[in-house]
Amino acid sequence: MVSGGLLYTLGSQNRLSSSARTVLQYLGLLILGMAVFAYNSTLAWPSYWALLPVIASVLVMAAQRDNKLLQQSWLQWCGNVSYSLYL
């Protein structure tokens, strides 16, 4: 939550080119996908491994791009209920 707040506060003026934002978005999505499939119960948690999905999420948010994949209704629903399910 802190990373998202810092990104909002410090990155309110996105001066990146469109191609740089595209690279950031897809890099973030790739890292998130790798974390989903690579993480297992043998990793110590919480540890520095928790930073990888946080950094990937910040990259996706910093890109500030519309993406048809991320606008899917089932993904929007997962995002809306994920914190409640976590608790």
Protein backbone atom coordinates (compact mmCIF):
# COMPACT_ATOMS: atom_id res chain seq x y z
CA MET A 1 0.00 0.00 0.00
CA VAL A 2 2.88 2.33 0.73
CA SER A 3 4.38 1.77 -2.71
CA GLY A 4 1.11 2.70 -4.42
CA GLY A 5 0.78 5.82 -2.27
CA LEU A 6 4.34 6.87 -3.02
CA LEU A 7 3.82 6.27 -6.72
CA TYR A 8 0.70 8.42 -6.65
CA THR A 9 2.42 11.19 -4.70
CA LEU A 10 5.74 11.23 -6.53
CA GLY A 11 4.63 10.14 -9.97
CA SER A 12 1.66 12.37 -10.55
CA GLN A 13 3.31 13.85 -13.64
CA ASN A 14 4.15 10.95 -15.91
CA ARG A 15 6.80 12.19 -18.32
CA LEU A 16 7.52 8.85 -19.94
CA SER A 17 7.09 8.26 -23.64
CA SER A 18 4.36 5.95 -24.85
CA SER A 19 6.86 3.25 -25.79
CA ALA A 20 8.55 3.45 -22.38
CA ARG A 21 5.16 3.10 -20.68
CA THR A 22 4.38 0.08 -22.85
CA VAL A 23 7.66 -1.56 -21.84
CA LEU A 24 7.01 -0.83 -18.15
CA GLN A 25 3.54 -2.31 -18.32
CA TYR A 26 4.53 -5.53 -20.06
CA LEU A 27 7.63 -5.93 -17.88
CA GLY A 28 5.46 -5.59 -14.78
CA LEU A 29 2.92 -8.09 -16.10
CA LEU A 30 5.70 -10.52 -17.00
CA ILE A 31 7.24 -10.29 -13.53
CA LEU A 32 3.81 -10.76 -11.92
CA GLY A 33 3.20 -13.84 -14.05
CA MET A 34 6.59 -15.26 -13.15
CA ALA A 35 5.88 -14.72 -9.46
CA VAL A 36 2.52 -16.48 -9.71
CA PHE A 37 4.06 -19.59 -11.22
CA ALA A 38 7.50 -19.56 -9.54
CA TYR A 39 6.51 -18.97 -5.93
CA ASN A 40 5.76 -22.02 -3.84
CA SER A 41 5.57 -23.06 -0.21
CA THR A 42 9.35 -23.51 0.10
CA LEU A 43 10.02 -19.77 -0.15
CA ALA A 44 10.35 -17.88 3.10
CA TRP A 45 7.45 -15.47 3.42
CA PRO A 46 7.46 -12.60 4.22
CA SER A 47 10.97 -11.88 3.05
CA TYR A 48 12.66 -10.05 0.23
CA TRP A 49 10.70 -12.31 -2.15
CA ALA A 50 7.63 -10.20 -1.35
CA LEU A 51 9.27 -7.24 -3.11
CA LEU A 52 9.09 -8.82 -6.55
CA PRO A 53 5.29 -8.67 -6.97
CA VAL A 54 5.22 -5.25 -5.30
CA ILE A 55 7.77 -3.86 -7.75
CA ALA A 56 5.93 -5.49 -10.66
CA SER A 57 2.65 -3.91 -9.55
CA VAL A 58 4.30 -0.51 -9.27
CA LEU A 59 5.64 -0.90 -12.83
CA VAL A 60 2.14 -1.65 -14.13
CA MET A 61 0.64 1.28 -12.22
CA ALA A 62 3.45 3.63 -13.30
CA ALA A 63 2.76 2.84 -16.94
CA GLN A 64 -0.68 4.47 -16.66
CA ARG A 65 -1.93 2.71 -19.77
CA ASP A 66 -5.26 1.32 -20.79
CA ASN A 67 -4.98 -2.35 -21.59
CA LYS A 68 -7.74 -4.60 -22.91
CA LEU A 69 -6.39 -7.49 -20.84
CA LEU A 70 -6.55 -5.53 -17.59
CA GLN A 71 -10.03 -4.22 -18.43
CA GLN A 72 -11.57 -7.71 -18.44
CA SER A 73 -14.52 -7.79 -16.03
CA TRP A 74 -13.34 -10.92 -14.20
CA LEU A 75 -9.91 -9.34 -13.57
CA GLN A 76 -11.58 -6.16 -12.35
CA TRP A 77 -13.70 -8.26 -9.97
CA CYS A 78 -10.59 -10.08 -8.67
CA GLY A 79 -8.91 -6.75 -8.04
CA ASN A 80 -11.94 -5.39 -6.23
CA VAL A 81 -12.30 -8.34 -3.84
CA SER A 82 -8.67 -9.45 -3.46
CA TYR A 83 -7.91 -7.51 -0.29
CA SER A 84 -11.15 -8.57 1.35
CA LEU A 85 -10.41 -12.20 0.50
CA TYR A 86 -6.87 -11.79 1.85
CA LEU A 87 -8.19 -10.60 5.19
